[in-house]
Amino acid sequence: MNKVPLTVRGAEKLRAELNELKNTVRPRIIEAIATAREHGDLKENAEYHAAREQQSFTEGRIAEIESKLANAQIIDVTKLNAGGKVVFGATVELEDLDTENRVTYQIVGEDEADIKEGRISVASPIARALIGKEEEDVAEVEAPGGKKEFEILAVRYE
């Protein structure tokens, strides 16, 4: 399997979620199953079935996170020497040349992307258009509504 890029912050969030699932959620589910078993007949025990379903979901999520971390290439953007170029993990301030709206995005792995928090996937059209460019360059992005042009105002590695 190919290594998947992940920022340090993204890896920390996944590790924190994994820790929470293993050390808090899993024991709580085991306790709920034990309590439900004490109530007798398991065939008609809704509490038992709900706890088992939650256990299945939790174990699946634990396996998914462990797999992501095992296949992750964790990139510390603060230690990159990218020479001012837009690279994975960089935070880029842009200006839409049509509307003059300014936006700031950090280019992150697919699992970390959250447009509300200003993090876009490295596989997104905007990120692909920005990679390799520098401050004052203009990036053309093929958007569903047509071609958009963004001027790169600043590139930061934070």
Protein backbone atom coordinates (compact mmCIF):
# COMPACT_ATOMS: atom_id res chain seq x y z
CA MET A 1 0.00 0.00 0.00
CA ASN A 2 1.25 3.48 -0.80
CA LYS A 3 2.17 5.90 1.96
CA VAL A 4 -0.49 8.55 2.53
CA PRO A 5 0.71 12.07 3.42
CA LEU A 6 -0.43 13.35 6.80
CA THR A 7 0.52 16.50 8.68
CA VAL A 8 1.86 16.29 12.24
CA ARG A 9 -1.38 17.86 13.53
CA GLY A 10 -3.47 15.34 11.58
CA ALA A 11 -1.46 12.44 13.00
CA GLU A 12 -1.87 13.83 16.52
CA LYS A 13 -5.65 14.09 16.07
CA LEU A 14 -5.83 10.48 14.86
CA ARG A 15 -3.68 9.28 17.78
CA ALA A 16 -5.89 11.18 20.25
CA GLU A 17 -9.04 9.64 18.76
CA LEU A 18 -7.44 6.18 18.86
CA ASN A 19 -6.49 6.68 22.51
CA GLU A 20 -10.02 7.81 23.37
CA LEU A 21 -11.57 4.80 21.61
CA LYS A 22 -9.22 2.26 23.20
CA ASN A 23 -9.08 3.65 26.73
CA THR A 24 -12.51 5.20 27.27
CA VAL A 25 -15.09 4.05 24.71
CA ARG A 26 -14.08 0.38 24.46
CA PRO A 27 -14.18 -0.26 28.26
CA ARG A 28 -17.55 1.52 28.51
CA ILE A 29 -19.00 -0.71 25.76
CA ILE A 30 -17.63 -3.87 27.41
CA GLU A 31 -19.29 -2.81 30.65
CA ALA A 32 -22.59 -2.12 28.84
CA ILE A 33 -22.50 -5.58 27.24
CA ALA A 34 -21.84 -7.22 30.61
CA THR A 35 -24.72 -5.31 32.20
CA ALA A 36 -27.06 -6.22 29.34
CA ARG A 37 -26.12 -9.91 29.64
CA GLU A 38 -27.17 -9.86 33.29
CA HIS A 39 -30.71 -9.02 32.16
CA GLY A 40 -31.17 -12.50 30.72
CA ASP A 41 -32.48 -13.54 27.30
CA LEU A 42 -30.13 -11.99 24.71
CA LYS A 43 -32.42 -12.60 21.71
CA GLU A 44 -34.86 -9.89 22.75
CA ASN A 45 -32.44 -7.67 24.65
CA ALA A 46 -32.26 -4.32 22.81
CA GLU A 47 -29.57 -2.95 25.14
CA TYR A 48 -27.33 -5.92 24.36
CA HIS A 49 -27.80 -5.60 20.60
CA ALA A 50 -27.20 -1.84 20.70
CA ALA A 51 -24.01 -2.31 22.72
CA ARG A 52 -22.79 -5.03 20.33
CA GLU A 53 -23.50 -2.77 17.35
CA GLN A 54 -21.59 0.07 19.00
CA GLN A 55 -18.75 -2.33 19.77
CA SER A 56 -18.59 -3.38 16.12
CA PHE A 57 -18.49 0.24 14.96
CA THR A 58 -15.81 1.16 17.51
CA GLU A 59 -13.58 -1.82 16.67
CA GLY A 60 -13.91 -0.97 12.98
CA ARG A 61 -12.89 2.64 13.61
CA ILE A 62 -9.92 1.51 15.74
CA ALA A 63 -8.73 -0.76 12.91
CA GLU A 64 -9.22 2.04 10.36
CA ILE A 65 -7.19 4.56 12.40
CA GLU A 66 -4.42 2.04 13.09
CA SER A 67 -4.21 1.28 9.37
CA LYS A 68 -4.10 4.98 8.45
CA LEU A 69 -1.32 5.65 10.95
CA ALA A 70 0.63 2.58 9.81
CA ASN A 71 0.45 3.74 6.18
CA ALA A 72 1.00 7.43 6.88
CA GLN A 73 3.95 9.48 5.80
CA ILE A 74 3.94 12.15 8.49
CA ILE A 75 5.28 15.43 7.16
CA ASP A 76 6.39 18.20 9.52
CA VAL A 77 5.92 21.28 7.37
CA THR A 78 7.85 23.47 9.83
CA LYS A 79 11.02 21.51 9.01
CA LEU A 80 10.62 21.66 5.23
CA ASN A 81 12.92 23.82 3.18
CA ALA A 82 10.57 24.45 0.28
CA GLY A 83 12.12 27.74 -0.79
CA GLY A 84 8.85 29.64 -0.77
CA LYS A 85 7.03 27.13 -2.97
CA VAL A 86 3.58 25.76 -2.21
CA VAL A 87 4.01 22.18 -0.96
CA PHE A 88 2.00 19.68 1.07
CA GLY A 89 1.30 21.16 4.50
CA ALA A 90 1.86 24.77 3.45
CA THR A 91 -0.64 27.46 4.41
CA VAL A 92 -1.46 29.63 1.41
CA GLU A 93 -3.18 33.01 1.36
CA LEU A 94 -5.00 33.62 -1.92
CA GLU A 95 -6.94 36.36 -3.64
CA ASP A 96 -9.63 35.52 -6.17
CA LEU A 97 -8.79 37.81 -9.10
CA ASP A 98 -12.45 38.09 -10.16
CA THR A 99 -14.05 38.90 -6.80
CA GLU A 100 -11.00 40.12 -4.84
CA ASN A 101 -12.09 37.82 -1.99
CA ARG A 102 -9.21 36.58 0.15
CA VAL A 103 -9.03 33.05 1.53
CA THR A 104 -6.43 31.08 3.43
CA TYR A 105 -6.02 27.33 3.03
CA GLN A 106 -3.67 24.73 4.41
CA ILE A 107 -2.96 21.85 2.03
CA VAL A 108 -3.43 18.59 3.95
CA GLY A 109 -4.08 14.87 3.43
CA GLU A 110 -7.49 13.66 2.32
CA ASP A 111 -8.44 12.46 5.82
CA GLU A 112 -7.64 15.85 7.36
CA ALA A 113 -9.48 18.04 4.85
CA ASP A 114 -12.14 20.31 6.36
CA ILE A 115 -13.09 23.32 4.28
CA LYS A 116 -14.80 24.99 7.27
CA GLU A 117 -11.43 25.02 9.04
CA GLY A 118 -9.54 26.13 5.93
CA ARG A 119 -7.89 22.76 5.27
CA ILE A 120 -8.12 21.44 1.70
CA SER A 121 -7.12 18.04 0.37
CA VAL A 122 -3.88 17.77 -1.56
CA ALA A 123 -5.98 15.99 -4.22
CA SER A 124 -8.43 18.90 -4.64
CA PRO A 125 -8.36 20.96 -7.85
CA ILE A 126 -7.27 24.11 -5.98
CA ALA A 127 -4.40 22.34 -4.21
CA ARG A 128 -3.22 20.66 -7.43
CA ALA A 129 -3.18 24.08 -9.14
CA LEU A 130 -1.20 25.62 -6.26
CA ILE A 131 1.49 22.95 -5.72
CA GLY A 132 4.88 24.18 -6.94
CA LYS A 133 3.84 27.83 -7.28
CA GLU A 134 5.31 30.75 -5.28
CA GLU A 135 4.13 34.08 -3.87
CA GLU A 136 2.78 36.45 -6.55
CA ASP A 137 2.17 33.56 -8.98
CA VAL A 138 -1.31 33.15 -10.43
CA ALA A 139 -2.91 29.71 -10.23
CA GLU A 140 -5.69 28.75 -12.64
CA VAL A 141 -8.26 26.35 -11.25
CA GLU A 142 -10.85 24.48 -13.29
CA ALA A 143 -13.91 24.81 -11.06
CA PRO A 144 -17.41 23.48 -11.76
CA GLY A 145 -18.51 27.07 -12.47
CA GLY A 146 -15.66 27.67 -14.91
CA LYS A 147 -12.03 28.75 -14.72
CA LYS A 148 -10.99 30.74 -11.63
CA GLU A 149 -7.73 32.57 -11.10
CA PHE A 150 -6.08 33.04 -7.72
CA GLU A 151 -3.05 35.16 -6.92
CA ILE A 152 -0.84 33.70 -4.21
CA LEU A 153 -0.33 36.44 -1.60
CA ALA A 154 1.63 34.47 1.00
CA VAL A 155 3.03 30.99 1.61
CA ARG A 156 3.70 29.93 5.20
CA TYR A 157 5.02 26.72 6.73
CA GLU A 158 3.41 26.51 10.17
